[in-house]
Amino acid sequence: MLKKKSVRRDGKMIHVRLDEKLHKKLKIKVAKNDLTIQEWVYQVIENELLNKKK
């Protein structure tokens, strides 16, 4: 489970288009983990890029 973490509001923004079905699944997943989509996406990217061993 991902931990709730403050996300900086002064950083760069990205936009991602999702189909309706995928977006609904994402909303359910983040709600179950008491996260926003923003927090979840930030943590997934952070884990993928910063915490992986090379």
Protein backbone atom coordinates (compact mmCIF):
# COMPACT_ATOMS: atom_id res chain seq x y z
CA MET A 1 0.00 0.00 0.00
CA LEU A 2 1.26 3.45 -0.82
CA LYS A 3 1.69 5.96 1.96
CA LYS A 4 -0.06 9.33 1.87
CA LYS A 5 2.57 11.94 1.12
CA SER A 6 2.45 15.65 0.58
CA VAL A 7 2.89 16.53 -3.08
CA ARG A 8 4.62 19.77 -3.97
CA ARG A 9 2.33 22.23 -5.71
CA ASP A 10 5.11 24.32 -7.26
CA GLY A 11 6.50 21.61 -9.53
CA LYS A 12 6.00 20.82 -13.19
CA MET A 13 2.69 19.45 -14.44
CA ILE A 14 1.91 16.56 -16.76
CA HIS A 15 -1.39 15.63 -18.38
CA VAL A 16 -2.46 12.06 -19.06
CA ARG A 17 -5.54 10.99 -21.01
CA LEU A 18 -7.29 7.86 -19.75
CA ASP A 19 -10.35 6.16 -21.10
CA GLU A 20 -13.39 6.28 -18.84
CA LYS A 21 -13.11 2.67 -17.65
CA LEU A 22 -9.45 2.99 -16.68
CA HIS A 23 -10.08 6.31 -14.92
CA LYS A 24 -12.88 4.78 -12.86
CA LYS A 25 -10.64 1.88 -11.80
CA LEU A 26 -7.93 4.35 -10.82
CA LYS A 27 -10.36 6.45 -8.75
CA ILE A 28 -11.48 3.34 -6.87
CA LYS A 29 -7.90 2.23 -6.23
CA VAL A 30 -6.75 5.57 -4.86
CA ALA A 31 -9.90 5.98 -2.75
CA LYS A 32 -9.26 2.59 -1.11
CA ASN A 33 -5.77 3.82 -0.20
CA ASP A 34 -7.01 7.24 1.00
CA LEU A 35 -4.99 9.02 -1.68
CA THR A 36 -5.71 11.47 -4.46
CA ILE A 37 -4.87 10.57 -8.04
CA GLN A 38 -2.15 13.24 -7.88
CA GLU A 39 -0.57 11.67 -4.79
CA TRP A 40 -0.76 8.17 -6.27
CA VAL A 41 0.77 9.16 -9.63
CA TYR A 42 3.54 11.11 -7.90
CA GLN A 43 4.41 8.14 -5.70
CA VAL A 44 4.35 5.66 -8.58
CA ILE A 45 6.69 7.85 -10.62
CA GLU A 46 8.93 8.50 -7.62
CA ASN A 47 9.15 4.78 -6.82
CA GLU A 48 9.86 3.87 -10.42
CA LEU A 49 12.54 6.51 -11.05
CA LEU A 50 14.16 7.18 -7.70
CA ASN A 51 13.91 4.00 -5.68
CA LYS A 52 14.79 1.35 -8.24
CA LYS A 53 18.25 -0.13 -8.26
CA LYS A 54 20.06 0.31 -11.58
